[in-house]
Amino acid sequence: MQEISFAVRGEYVELNQLLKLVGLCDSGGAGKVIVASGDVIVDGKQELRKTAKIRPGQQVSLGDITIRVTTE
């Protein structure tokens, strides 16, 4: 299992943009496709909202990769 730490600038980051910013996809559009596939888990629950607001303290998982979102 791979763990990535991501520091948010501001209050939140949209889920599809988070996937792009940590390098799991090439664009926000590709991130939307990944979220729509149903493979993204936020805080233990499946997340289908492509632009869900991810805030510091939340955890996002995709396959065996976990992203821990922190403050900057």
PDB file of N, CA and C in Angstrom:
ATOM      1  N   MET A   1       0.841  -1.183   0.000  1.00  0.00           N
ATOM      2  CA  MET A   1       0.000   0.000   0.000  1.00  0.00           C
ATOM      3  C   MET A   1       0.888   1.248   0.000  1.00  0.00           C
ATOM      4  N   GLN A   2       0.610   2.149  -0.902  1.00  0.00           N
ATOM      5  CA  GLN A   2       1.367   3.392  -1.010  1.00  0.00           C
ATOM      6  C   GLN A   2       0.585   4.523  -0.359  1.00  0.00           C
ATOM      7  N   GLU A   3       1.295   5.350   0.417  1.00  0.00           N
ATOM      8  CA  GLU A   3       0.658   6.489   1.069  1.00  0.00           C
ATOM      9  C   GLU A   3       1.255   7.783   0.548  1.00  0.00           C
ATOM     10  N   ILE A   4       0.372   8.724   0.204  1.00  0.00           N
ATOM     11  CA  ILE A   4       0.778  10.033  -0.300  1.00  0.00           C
ATOM     12  C   ILE A   4       0.193  11.085   0.639  1.00  0.00           C
ATOM     13  N   SER A   5       0.996  12.084   0.971  1.00  0.00           N
ATOM     14  CA  SER A   5       0.510  13.201   1.777  1.00  0.00           C
ATOM     15  C   SER A   5       0.362  14.401   0.852  1.00  0.00           C
ATOM     16  N   PHE A   6      -0.787  15.089   0.938  1.00  0.00           N
ATOM     17  CA  PHE A   6      -1.042  16.249   0.091  1.00  0.00           C
ATOM     18  C   PHE A   6      -1.492  17.410   0.957  1.00  0.00           C
ATOM     19  N   ALA A   7      -0.784  18.545   0.855  1.00  0.00           N
ATOM     20  CA  ALA A   7      -1.129  19.734   1.629  1.00  0.00           C
ATOM     21  C   ALA A   7      -2.032  20.641   0.793  1.00  0.00           C
ATOM     22  N   VAL A   8      -3.200  20.953   1.330  1.00  0.00           N
ATOM     23  CA  VAL A   8      -4.182  21.790   0.639  1.00  0.00           C
ATOM     24  C   VAL A   8      -3.848  23.261   0.852  1.00  0.00           C
ATOM     25  N   ARG A   9      -3.879  24.009  -0.234  1.00  0.00           N
ATOM     26  CA  ARG A   9      -3.778  25.473  -0.133  1.00  0.00           C
ATOM     27  C   ARG A   9      -5.206  25.983  -0.112  1.00  0.00           C
ATOM     28  N   GLY A  10      -5.579  26.645   0.950  1.00  0.00           N
ATOM     29  CA  GLY A  10      -6.952  27.123   1.070  1.00  0.00           C
ATOM     30  C   GLY A  10      -7.803  26.149   1.856  1.00  0.00           C
ATOM     31  N   GLU A  11      -9.121  26.247   1.652  1.00  0.00           N
ATOM     32  CA  GLU A  11     -10.080  25.483   2.451  1.00  0.00           C
ATOM     33  C   GLU A  11     -10.250  24.039   1.968  1.00  0.00           C
ATOM     34  N   TYR A  12     -10.216  23.822   0.650  1.00  0.00           N
ATOM     35  CA  TYR A  12     -10.461  22.485   0.100  1.00  0.00           C
ATOM     36  C   TYR A  12      -9.847  22.358  -1.293  1.00  0.00           C
ATOM     37  N   VAL A  13      -9.849  21.117  -1.800  1.00  0.00           N
ATOM     38  CA  VAL A  13      -9.465  20.826  -3.176  1.00  0.00           C
ATOM     39  C   VAL A  13     -10.546  19.899  -3.739  1.00  0.00           C
ATOM     40  N   GLU A  14     -10.921  20.096  -5.000  1.00  0.00           N
ATOM     41  CA  GLU A  14     -11.925  19.224  -5.607  1.00  0.00           C
ATOM     42  C   GLU A  14     -11.303  17.857  -5.864  1.00  0.00           C
ATOM     43  N   LEU A  15     -12.100  16.819  -5.687  1.00  0.00           N
ATOM     44  CA  LEU A  15     -11.615  15.446  -5.773  1.00  0.00           C
ATOM     45  C   LEU A  15     -10.914  15.155  -7.098  1.00  0.00           C
ATOM     46  N   ASN A  16     -11.531  15.526  -8.223  1.00  0.00           N
ATOM     47  CA  ASN A  16     -10.905  15.229  -9.514  1.00  0.00           C
ATOM     48  C   ASN A  16      -9.564  15.954  -9.663  1.00  0.00           C
ATOM     49  N   GLN A  17      -9.455  17.165  -9.117  1.00  0.00           N
ATOM     50  CA  GLN A  17      -8.199  17.916  -9.174  1.00  0.00           C
ATOM     51  C   GLN A  17      -7.148  17.304  -8.252  1.00  0.00           C
ATOM     52  N   LEU A  18      -7.571  16.783  -7.109  1.00  0.00           N
ATOM     53  CA  LEU A  18      -6.646  16.121  -6.191  1.00  0.00           C
ATOM     54  C   LEU A  18      -5.970  14.941  -6.875  1.00  0.00           C
ATOM     55  N   LEU A  19      -6.758  14.133  -7.585  1.00  0.00           N
ATOM     56  CA  LEU A  19      -6.192  12.979  -8.277  1.00  0.00           C
ATOM     57  C   LEU A  19      -5.151  13.419  -9.300  1.00  0.00           C
ATOM     58  N   LYS A  20      -5.405  14.538  -9.967  1.00  0.00           N
ATOM     59  CA  LYS A  20      -4.447  15.078 -10.940  1.00  0.00           C
ATOM     60  C   LYS A  20      -3.200  15.600 -10.227  1.00  0.00           C
ATOM     61  N   LEU A  21      -3.391  16.356  -9.171  1.00  0.00           N
ATOM     62  CA  LEU A  21      -2.270  16.999  -8.483  1.00  0.00           C
ATOM     63  C   LEU A  21      -1.301  16.009  -7.843  1.00  0.00           C
ATOM     64  N   VAL A  22      -1.788  14.851  -7.419  1.00  0.00           N
ATOM     65  CA  VAL A  22      -0.886  13.846  -6.831  1.00  0.00           C
ATOM     66  C   VAL A  22      -0.324  12.897  -7.881  1.00  0.00           C
ATOM     67  N   GLY A  23      -0.714  13.092  -9.140  1.00  0.00           N
ATOM     68  CA  GLY A  23      -0.130  12.312 -10.224  1.00  0.00           C
ATOM     69  C   GLY A  23      -0.817  11.000 -10.547  1.00  0.00           C
ATOM     70  N   LEU A  24      -2.065  10.820 -10.080  1.00  0.00           N
ATOM     71  CA  LEU A  24      -2.769   9.573 -10.383  1.00  0.00           C
ATOM     72  C   LEU A  24      -3.457   9.609 -11.741  1.00  0.00           C
ATOM     73  N   CYS A  25      -3.537  10.787 -12.356  1.00  0.00           N
ATOM     74  CA  CYS A  25      -4.087  10.923 -13.702  1.00  0.00           C
ATOM     75  C   CYS A  25      -3.485  12.170 -14.338  1.00  0.00           C
ATOM     76  N   ASP A  26      -3.659  12.312 -15.647  1.00  0.00           N
ATOM     77  CA  ASP A  26      -3.027  13.404 -16.386  1.00  0.00           C
ATOM     78  C   ASP A  26      -3.808  14.710 -16.373  1.00  0.00           C
ATOM     79  N   SER A  27      -5.123  14.648 -16.126  1.00  0.00           N
ATOM     80  CA  SER A  27      -5.939  15.864 -16.183  1.00  0.00           C
ATOM     81  C   SER A  27      -7.126  15.752 -15.237  1.00  0.00           C
ATOM     82  N   GLY A  28      -7.767  16.904 -15.007  1.00  0.00           N
ATOM     83  CA  GLY A  28      -8.978  16.905 -14.185  1.00  0.00           C
ATOM     84  C   GLY A  28     -10.086  16.092 -14.830  1.00  0.00           C
ATOM     85  N   GLY A  29     -10.137  16.115 -16.166  1.00  0.00           N
ATOM     86  CA  GLY A  29     -11.138  15.328 -16.894  1.00  0.00           C
ATOM     87  C   GLY A  29     -10.935  13.837 -16.685  1.00  0.00           C
ATOM     88  N   ALA A  30      -9.674  13.414 -16.715  1.00  0.00           N
ATOM     89  CA  ALA A  30      -9.370  11.997 -16.458  1.00  0.00           C
ATOM     90  C   ALA A  30      -9.723  11.655 -15.010  1.00  0.00           C
ATOM     91  N   GLY A  31      -9.524  12.615 -14.101  1.00  0.00           N
ATOM     92  CA  GLY A  31      -9.902  12.406 -12.703  1.00  0.00           C
ATOM     93  C   GLY A  31     -11.394  12.191 -12.555  1.00  0.00           C
ATOM     94  N   LYS A  32     -12.182  12.940 -13.330  1.00  0.00           N
ATOM     95  CA  LYS A  32     -13.645  12.776 -13.285  1.00  0.00           C
ATOM     96  C   LYS A  32     -14.049  11.374 -13.727  1.00  0.00           C
ATOM     97  N   VAL A  33     -13.362  10.836 -14.740  1.00  0.00           N
ATOM     98  CA  VAL A  33     -13.657   9.486 -15.226  1.00  0.00           C
ATOM     99  C   VAL A  33     -13.345   8.455 -14.137  1.00  0.00           C
ATOM    100  N   ILE A  34     -12.235   8.643 -13.453  1.00  0.00           N
ATOM    101  CA  ILE A  34     -11.858   7.717 -12.370  1.00  0.00           C
ATOM    102  C   ILE A  34     -12.902   7.751 -11.257  1.00  0.00           C
ATOM    103  N   VAL A  35     -13.332   8.953 -10.868  1.00  0.00           N
ATOM    104  CA  VAL A  35     -14.340   9.077  -9.803  1.00  0.00           C
ATOM    105  C   VAL A  35     -15.652   8.431 -10.252  1.00  0.00           C
ATOM    106  N   ALA A  36     -16.058   8.682 -11.499  1.00  0.00           N
ATOM    107  CA  ALA A  36     -17.311   8.121 -12.018  1.00  0.00           C
ATOM    108  C   ALA A  36     -17.283   6.598 -12.062  1.00  0.00           C
ATOM    109  N   SER A  37     -16.096   6.010 -12.142  1.00  0.00           N
ATOM    110  CA  SER A  37     -15.981   4.549 -12.188  1.00  0.00           C
ATOM    111  C   SER A  37     -16.362   3.899 -10.863  1.00  0.00           C
ATOM    112  N   GLY A  38     -16.394   4.698  -9.784  1.00  0.00           N
ATOM    113  CA  GLY A  38     -16.773   4.159  -8.479  1.00  0.00           C
ATOM    114  C   GLY A  38     -15.616   3.580  -7.695  1.00  0.00           C
ATOM    115  N   ASP A  39     -14.391   3.796  -8.166  1.00  0.00           N
ATOM    116  CA  ASP A  39     -13.213   3.211  -7.514  1.00  0.00           C
ATOM    117  C   ASP A  39     -12.614   4.081  -6.416  1.00  0.00           C
ATOM    118  N   VAL A  40     -13.127   5.300  -6.241  1.00  0.00           N
ATOM    119  CA  VAL A  40     -12.543   6.221  -5.259  1.00  0.00           C
ATOM    120  C   VAL A  40     -13.314   6.145  -3.940  1.00  0.00           C
ATOM    121  N   ILE A  41     -12.558   6.017  -2.858  1.00  0.00           N
ATOM    122  CA  ILE A  41     -13.128   5.930  -1.519  1.00  0.00           C
ATOM    123  C   ILE A  41     -12.659   7.142  -0.718  1.00  0.00           C
ATOM    124  N   VAL A  42     -13.589   7.874  -0.111  1.00  0.00           N
ATOM    125  CA  VAL A  42     -13.262   9.022   0.741  1.00  0.00           C
ATOM    126  C   VAL A  42     -13.757   8.717   2.150  1.00  0.00           C
ATOM    127  N   ASP A  43     -12.838   8.690   3.084  1.00  0.00           N
ATOM    128  CA  ASP A  43     -13.162   8.397   4.490  1.00  0.00           C
ATOM    129  C   ASP A  43     -13.973   7.115   4.632  1.00  0.00           C
ATOM    130  N   GLY A  44     -13.595   6.093   3.870  1.00  0.00           N
ATOM    131  CA  GLY A  44     -14.223   4.780   3.993  1.00  0.00           C
ATOM    132  C   GLY A  44     -15.502   4.576   3.209  1.00  0.00           C
ATOM    133  N   LYS A  45     -15.948   5.600   2.459  1.00  0.00           N
ATOM    134  CA  LYS A  45     -17.201   5.481   1.693  1.00  0.00           C
ATOM    135  C   LYS A  45     -16.944   5.800   0.225  1.00  0.00           C
ATOM    136  N   GLN A  46     -17.623   5.062  -0.647  1.00  0.00           N
ATOM    137  CA  GLN A  46     -17.489   5.316  -2.074  1.00  0.00           C
ATOM    138  C   GLN A  46     -17.945   6.746  -2.393  1.00  0.00           C
ATOM    139  N   GLU A  47     -17.160   7.450  -3.203  1.00  0.00           N
ATOM    140  CA  GLU A  47     -17.488   8.831  -3.572  1.00  0.00           C
ATOM    141  C   GLU A  47     -17.675   8.920  -5.077  1.00  0.00           C
ATOM    142  N   LEU A  48     -18.858   9.353  -5.511  1.00  0.00           N
ATOM    143  CA  LEU A  48     -19.166   9.471  -6.928  1.00  0.00           C
ATOM    144  C   LEU A  48     -19.275  10.924  -7.389  1.00  0.00           C
ATOM    145  N   ARG A  49     -19.195  11.862  -6.452  1.00  0.00           N
ATOM    146  CA  ARG A  49     -19.247  13.290  -6.823  1.00  0.00           C
ATOM    147  C   ARG A  49     -17.864  13.718  -7.301  1.00  0.00           C
ATOM    148  N   LYS A  50     -17.764  14.014  -8.579  1.00  0.00           N
ATOM    149  CA  LYS A  50     -16.473  14.304  -9.193  1.00  0.00           C
ATOM    150  C   LYS A  50     -15.776  15.517  -8.592  1.00  0.00           C
ATOM    151  N   THR A  51     -16.549  16.515  -8.195  1.00  0.00           N
ATOM    152  CA  THR A  51     -15.957  17.729  -7.643  1.00  0.00           C
ATOM    153  C   THR A  51     -16.225  17.852  -6.136  1.00  0.00           C
ATOM    154  N   ALA A  52     -16.302  16.712  -5.470  1.00  0.00           N
ATOM    155  CA  ALA A  52     -16.500  16.720  -4.013  1.00  0.00           C
ATOM    156  C   ALA A  52     -15.374  17.529  -3.367  1.00  0.00           C
ATOM    157  N   LYS A  53     -15.714  18.323  -2.367  1.00  0.00           N
ATOM    158  CA  LYS A  53     -14.728  19.151  -1.681  1.00  0.00           C
ATOM    159  C   LYS A  53     -13.984  18.296  -0.657  1.00  0.00           C
ATOM    160  N   ILE A  54     -12.689  18.132  -0.877  1.00  0.00           N
ATOM    161  CA  ILE A  54     -11.859  17.350   0.024  1.00  0.00           C
ATOM    162  C   ILE A  54     -11.086  18.322   0.900  1.00  0.00           C
ATOM    163  N   ARG A  55     -11.277  18.179   2.203  1.00  0.00           N
ATOM    164  CA  ARG A  55     -10.689  19.116   3.166  1.00  0.00           C
ATOM    165  C   ARG A  55      -9.584  18.436   3.979  1.00  0.00           C
ATOM    166  N   PRO A  56      -8.719  19.253   4.593  1.00  0.00           N
ATOM    167  CA  PRO A  56      -7.678  18.680   5.454  1.00  0.00           C
ATOM    168  C   PRO A  56      -8.274  17.735   6.493  1.00  0.00           C
ATOM    169  N   GLY A  57      -7.584  16.630   6.720  1.00  0.00           N
ATOM    170  CA  GLY A  57      -8.052  15.626   7.672  1.00  0.00           C
ATOM    171  C   GLY A  57      -8.751  14.461   6.997  1.00  0.00           C
ATOM    172  N   GLN A  58      -9.120  14.623   5.734  1.00  0.00           N
ATOM    173  CA  GLN A  58      -9.794  13.538   5.033  1.00  0.00           C
ATOM    174  C   GLN A  58      -8.774  12.599   4.384  1.00  0.00           C
ATOM    175  N   GLN A  59      -9.227  11.399   4.089  1.00  0.00           N
ATOM    176  CA  GLN A  59      -8.390  10.375   3.477  1.00  0.00           C
ATOM    177  C   GLN A  59      -9.075   9.873   2.218  1.00  0.00           C
ATOM    178  N   VAL A  60      -8.335   9.838   1.115  1.00  0.00           N
ATOM    179  CA  VAL A  60      -8.863   9.392  -0.174  1.00  0.00           C
ATOM    180  C   VAL A  60      -8.090   8.155  -0.598  1.00  0.00           C
ATOM    181  N   SER A  61      -8.805   7.107  -1.026  1.00  0.00           N
ATOM    182  CA  SER A  61      -8.151   5.876  -1.470  1.00  0.00           C
ATOM    183  C   SER A  61      -8.567   5.534  -2.887  1.00  0.00           C
ATOM    184  N   LEU A  62      -7.600   5.041  -3.644  1.00  0.00           N
ATOM    185  CA  LEU A  62      -7.827   4.546  -4.999  1.00  0.00           C
ATOM    186  C   LEU A  62      -6.966   3.308  -5.150  1.00  0.00           C
ATOM    187  N   GLY A  63      -7.608   2.142  -5.189  1.00  0.00           N
ATOM    188  CA  GLY A  63      -6.851   0.896  -5.233  1.00  0.00           C
ATOM    189  C   GLY A  63      -6.008   0.757  -3.983  1.00  0.00           C
ATOM    190  N   ASP A  64      -4.695   0.541  -4.153  1.00  0.00           N
ATOM    191  CA  ASP A  64      -3.810   0.377  -2.995  1.00  0.00           C
ATOM    192  C   ASP A  64      -3.081   1.672  -2.639  1.00  0.00           C
ATOM    193  N   ILE A  65      -3.575   2.796  -3.145  1.00  0.00           N
ATOM    194  CA  ILE A  65      -2.976   4.110  -2.867  1.00  0.00           C
ATOM    195  C   ILE A  65      -3.897   4.900  -1.940  1.00  0.00           C
ATOM    196  N   THR A  66      -3.308   5.454  -0.881  1.00  0.00           N
ATOM    197  CA  THR A  66      -4.060   6.284   0.053  1.00  0.00           C
ATOM    198  C   THR A  66      -3.451   7.675   0.068  1.00  0.00           C
ATOM    199  N   ILE A  67      -4.315   8.687  -0.034  1.00  0.00           N
ATOM    200  CA  ILE A  67      -3.893  10.084   0.008  1.00  0.00           C
ATOM    201  C   ILE A  67      -4.404  10.686   1.311  1.00  0.00           C
ATOM    202  N   ARG A  68      -3.493  11.175   2.133  1.00  0.00           N
ATOM    203  CA  ARG A  68      -3.873  11.859   3.366  1.00  0.00           C
ATOM    204  C   ARG A  68      -3.773  13.353   3.108  1.00  0.00           C
ATOM    205  N   VAL A  69      -4.887  14.039   3.298  1.00  0.00           N
ATOM    206  CA  VAL A  69      -4.945  15.461   3.011  1.00  0.00           C
ATOM    207  C   VAL A  69      -4.663  16.251   4.286  1.00  0.00           C
ATOM    208  N   THR A  70      -3.697  17.165   4.196  1.00  0.00           N
ATOM    209  CA  THR A  70      -3.272  17.953   5.345  1.00  0.00           C
ATOM    210  C   THR A  70      -3.383  19.442   5.010  1.00  0.00           C
ATOM    211  N   THR A  71      -3.137  20.276   6.011  1.00  0.00           N
ATOM    212  CA  THR A  71      -3.093  21.722   5.770  1.00  0.00           C
ATOM    213  C   THR A  71      -1.675  22.093   5.350  1.00  0.00           C
ATOM    214  N   GLU A  72      -1.568  23.205   4.669  1.00  0.00           N
ATOM    215  CA  GLU A  72      -0.255  23.657   4.189  1.00  0.00           C
ATOM    216  C   GLU A  72       0.547  24.249   5.308  1.00  0.00           C
TER     217      GLU A  72
END
